N, C-alpha and C. Protein backbone atom coordinates (compact mmCIF):
# COMPACT_ATOMS: atom_id res chain seq x y z
N MET A 1 130.29 85.27 93.98
CA MET A 1 130.83 86.23 94.93
C MET A 1 132.05 85.62 95.60
N SER A 2 133.07 86.39 95.75
CA SER A 2 134.30 85.90 96.35
C SER A 2 134.24 85.99 97.87
N ASP A 3 135.08 85.20 98.52
CA ASP A 3 135.18 85.23 99.97
C ASP A 3 135.82 86.56 100.39
N LYS A 4 135.34 87.11 101.50
CA LYS A 4 135.89 88.37 101.99
C LYS A 4 136.12 88.31 103.48
N SER A 5 137.14 89.03 103.91
CA SER A 5 137.44 89.13 105.34
C SER A 5 136.61 90.24 105.96
N VAL A 6 136.58 90.26 107.29
CA VAL A 6 135.89 91.33 108.00
C VAL A 6 136.47 92.68 107.59
N ARG A 7 137.78 92.75 107.48
CA ARG A 7 138.43 94.01 107.10
C ARG A 7 137.98 94.47 105.71
N GLN A 8 137.94 93.55 104.76
CA GLN A 8 137.50 93.92 103.41
C GLN A 8 136.06 94.41 103.42
N LEU A 9 135.21 93.72 104.16
CA LEU A 9 133.81 94.14 104.23
C LEU A 9 133.67 95.49 104.91
N ALA A 10 134.42 95.71 105.99
CA ALA A 10 134.35 96.98 106.70
C ALA A 10 134.83 98.13 105.82
N ASP A 11 135.79 97.87 104.96
CA ASP A 11 136.28 98.91 104.04
C ASP A 11 135.22 99.28 103.01
N GLU A 12 134.32 98.34 102.70
CA GLU A 12 133.28 98.57 101.70
C GLU A 12 131.98 99.11 102.30
N LEU A 13 131.82 98.99 103.60
CA LEU A 13 130.57 99.37 104.26
C LEU A 13 130.78 100.55 105.20
N PRO A 14 129.73 101.31 105.46
CA PRO A 14 129.86 102.48 106.35
C PRO A 14 129.69 102.11 107.82
N ILE A 15 130.22 100.94 108.23
CA ILE A 15 130.16 100.53 109.64
C ILE A 15 131.52 100.01 110.07
N SER A 16 131.73 99.93 111.37
CA SER A 16 133.02 99.53 111.92
C SER A 16 133.26 98.03 111.78
N ARG A 17 134.51 97.62 111.96
CA ARG A 17 134.84 96.20 111.92
C ARG A 17 134.10 95.41 113.00
N PRO A 18 134.04 95.91 114.25
CA PRO A 18 133.27 95.16 115.25
C PRO A 18 131.81 94.98 114.86
N ALA A 19 131.22 96.00 114.24
CA ALA A 19 129.83 95.89 113.80
C ALA A 19 129.70 94.86 112.68
N VAL A 20 130.67 94.85 111.76
CA VAL A 20 130.66 93.86 110.68
C VAL A 20 130.75 92.46 111.28
N SER A 21 131.63 92.28 112.26
CA SER A 21 131.78 90.97 112.92
C SER A 21 130.48 90.53 113.58
N ARG A 22 129.81 91.44 114.25
CA ARG A 22 128.53 91.08 114.91
C ARG A 22 127.48 90.69 113.87
N HIS A 23 127.40 91.45 112.80
CA HIS A 23 126.43 91.14 111.75
C HIS A 23 126.74 89.78 111.11
N LEU A 24 128.01 89.53 110.85
CA LEU A 24 128.38 88.25 110.24
C LEU A 24 128.06 87.08 111.17
N ARG A 25 128.26 87.26 112.46
CA ARG A 25 127.93 86.19 113.41
C ARG A 25 126.44 85.86 113.34
N LEU A 26 125.61 86.90 113.30
CA LEU A 26 124.16 86.69 113.20
C LEU A 26 123.77 86.05 111.87
N LEU A 27 124.37 86.52 110.79
CA LEU A 27 124.08 85.96 109.48
C LEU A 27 124.52 84.50 109.39
N LYS A 28 125.64 84.17 110.04
CA LYS A 28 126.12 82.79 110.07
C LYS A 28 125.14 81.92 110.85
N GLU A 29 124.69 82.40 112.01
CA GLU A 29 123.72 81.65 112.81
C GLU A 29 122.42 81.43 112.05
N ALA A 30 122.06 82.37 111.19
CA ALA A 30 120.84 82.25 110.39
C ALA A 30 121.04 81.40 109.14
N GLY A 31 122.28 80.98 108.87
CA GLY A 31 122.56 80.15 107.71
C GLY A 31 122.69 80.92 106.42
N LEU A 32 122.91 82.23 106.51
CA LEU A 32 123.00 83.06 105.32
C LEU A 32 124.43 83.30 104.84
N VAL A 33 125.42 83.05 105.70
CA VAL A 33 126.82 83.12 105.29
C VAL A 33 127.56 81.90 105.82
N THR A 34 128.62 81.54 105.13
CA THR A 34 129.53 80.50 105.60
C THR A 34 130.89 81.14 105.79
N ASP A 35 131.73 80.50 106.57
CA ASP A 35 133.08 81.04 106.77
C ASP A 35 134.09 79.90 106.74
N ARG A 36 135.34 80.30 106.52
CA ARG A 36 136.44 79.34 106.55
C ARG A 36 137.69 80.07 107.02
N ALA A 37 138.55 79.31 107.65
CA ALA A 37 139.80 79.89 108.14
C ALA A 37 140.83 79.92 107.02
N GLU A 38 141.56 81.03 106.96
CA GLU A 38 142.70 81.14 106.05
C GLU A 38 143.79 81.85 106.83
N GLY A 39 144.72 81.08 107.34
CA GLY A 39 145.75 81.66 108.21
C GLY A 39 145.12 82.15 109.48
N THR A 40 145.36 83.41 109.81
CA THR A 40 144.83 83.98 111.05
C THR A 40 143.50 84.70 110.87
N ARG A 41 142.97 84.69 109.68
CA ARG A 41 141.71 85.39 109.47
C ARG A 41 140.63 84.44 108.97
N ARG A 42 139.41 84.91 109.05
CA ARG A 42 138.27 84.14 108.57
C ARG A 42 137.73 84.83 107.33
N LEU A 43 137.37 84.04 106.36
CA LEU A 43 136.79 84.56 105.13
C LEU A 43 135.33 84.14 105.07
N TYR A 44 134.50 85.08 104.67
CA TYR A 44 133.05 84.86 104.66
C TYR A 44 132.53 84.89 103.23
N ARG A 45 131.47 84.10 103.03
CA ARG A 45 130.83 84.01 101.72
C ARG A 45 129.33 83.83 101.93
N LEU A 46 128.54 84.45 101.05
CA LEU A 46 127.09 84.24 101.12
C LEU A 46 126.80 82.77 100.88
N HIS A 47 125.89 82.22 101.65
CA HIS A 47 125.46 80.83 101.50
C HIS A 47 124.29 80.83 100.53
N ASN A 48 124.53 80.37 99.32
CA ASN A 48 123.55 80.49 98.24
C ASN A 48 122.19 79.92 98.58
N GLU A 49 122.14 78.74 99.20
CA GLU A 49 120.85 78.13 99.50
C GLU A 49 120.05 79.00 100.48
N GLY A 50 120.72 79.54 101.47
CA GLY A 50 120.04 80.41 102.44
C GLY A 50 119.53 81.69 101.79
N ILE A 51 120.35 82.27 100.94
CA ILE A 51 119.97 83.50 100.25
C ILE A 51 118.81 83.22 99.30
N ASP A 52 118.85 82.09 98.61
CA ASP A 52 117.76 81.73 97.69
C ASP A 52 116.45 81.57 98.45
N ALA A 53 116.49 80.97 99.62
CA ALA A 53 115.28 80.78 100.42
C ALA A 53 114.71 82.14 100.86
N VAL A 54 115.57 83.05 101.27
CA VAL A 54 115.12 84.39 101.67
C VAL A 54 114.55 85.12 100.46
N ARG A 55 115.21 85.04 99.33
CA ARG A 55 114.74 85.70 98.10
C ARG A 55 113.35 85.18 97.71
N GLN A 56 113.16 83.86 97.74
CA GLN A 56 111.86 83.29 97.39
C GLN A 56 110.78 83.76 98.36
N TYR A 57 111.10 83.79 99.64
CA TYR A 57 110.13 84.26 100.63
C TYR A 57 109.74 85.71 100.37
N LEU A 58 110.74 86.57 100.17
CA LEU A 58 110.46 87.99 99.94
C LEU A 58 109.69 88.21 98.63
N GLU A 59 110.04 87.47 97.60
CA GLU A 59 109.31 87.60 96.34
C GLU A 59 107.85 87.17 96.53
N HIS A 60 107.64 86.13 97.31
CA HIS A 60 106.27 85.67 97.57
C HIS A 60 105.49 86.74 98.34
N VAL A 61 106.05 87.20 99.44
CA VAL A 61 105.37 88.19 100.28
C VAL A 61 105.20 89.52 99.55
N TRP A 62 106.30 90.07 99.04
CA TRP A 62 106.24 91.38 98.42
C TRP A 62 105.63 91.32 97.03
N GLY A 63 105.74 90.20 96.37
CA GLY A 63 105.11 90.06 95.06
C GLY A 63 103.60 90.17 95.18
N GLU A 64 103.03 89.50 96.20
CA GLU A 64 101.59 89.60 96.44
C GLU A 64 101.20 91.02 96.85
N ALA A 65 102.00 91.63 97.71
CA ALA A 65 101.71 92.99 98.16
C ALA A 65 101.78 93.96 96.99
N ALA A 66 102.78 93.81 96.12
CA ALA A 66 102.91 94.70 94.96
C ALA A 66 101.73 94.53 94.02
N ALA A 67 101.30 93.29 93.82
CA ALA A 67 100.15 93.04 92.94
C ALA A 67 98.89 93.69 93.51
N ARG A 68 98.69 93.58 94.83
CA ARG A 68 97.51 94.20 95.45
C ARG A 68 97.59 95.73 95.34
N PHE A 69 98.76 96.29 95.55
CA PHE A 69 98.94 97.74 95.45
C PHE A 69 98.65 98.21 94.02
N ARG A 70 99.19 97.48 93.04
CA ARG A 70 98.96 97.84 91.64
C ARG A 70 97.47 97.78 91.31
N LEU A 71 96.78 96.74 91.77
CA LEU A 71 95.35 96.60 91.53
C LEU A 71 94.58 97.76 92.16
N LEU A 72 94.93 98.13 93.38
CA LEU A 72 94.29 99.25 94.05
C LEU A 72 94.55 100.56 93.29
N ALA A 73 95.80 100.79 92.92
CA ALA A 73 96.15 102.03 92.23
C ALA A 73 95.45 102.14 90.88
N GLU A 74 95.35 101.02 90.17
CA GLU A 74 94.72 101.05 88.85
C GLU A 74 93.20 101.21 88.93
N ASN A 75 92.61 100.92 90.07
CA ASN A 75 91.16 100.97 90.20
C ASN A 75 90.65 102.17 90.99
N ARG A 76 91.52 103.12 91.25
CA ARG A 76 91.09 104.35 91.94
C ARG A 76 90.39 105.25 90.95
N PRO A 77 89.36 105.95 91.38
CA PRO A 77 88.70 106.92 90.48
C PRO A 77 89.67 108.00 90.04
N GLU A 78 89.52 108.46 88.82
CA GLU A 78 90.43 109.47 88.26
C GLU A 78 90.53 110.71 89.12
N GLY A 79 89.43 111.20 89.67
CA GLY A 79 89.44 112.42 90.46
C GLY A 79 90.21 112.30 91.77
N SER A 80 90.43 111.08 92.25
CA SER A 80 91.12 110.92 93.54
C SER A 80 92.61 110.76 93.39
N ARG A 81 93.11 110.72 92.16
CA ARG A 81 94.56 110.58 91.96
C ARG A 81 95.21 111.92 92.13
N ARG A 82 96.30 111.93 92.81
CA ARG A 82 97.05 113.16 93.07
C ARG A 82 97.84 113.55 91.83
N GLN A 83 97.75 114.80 91.46
CA GLN A 83 98.48 115.31 90.30
C GLN A 83 99.85 115.79 90.74
N ARG A 84 100.85 115.49 89.95
CA ARG A 84 102.20 115.98 90.23
C ARG A 84 102.35 117.37 89.66
N PRO A 85 103.08 118.23 90.37
CA PRO A 85 103.29 119.60 89.86
C PRO A 85 104.17 119.62 88.64
């Protein structure tokens, strides 16, 4: 992923530049993005290690939840399953 400015991100997202800046500040504090100065602007990039840690956590949590849901769905009696029209 390439580095992007607040302006570039705001052009791609349905939120304002100030909102993008606030989100980036929080993401930076959480270690999920890094930034660097280039002239008068700052460029932001996803911090791969932080993103990988979040991905692993979510896969662990939601992977277990999905497996339990699948087990429950597969073991429901036939008569209790809702039929689609």
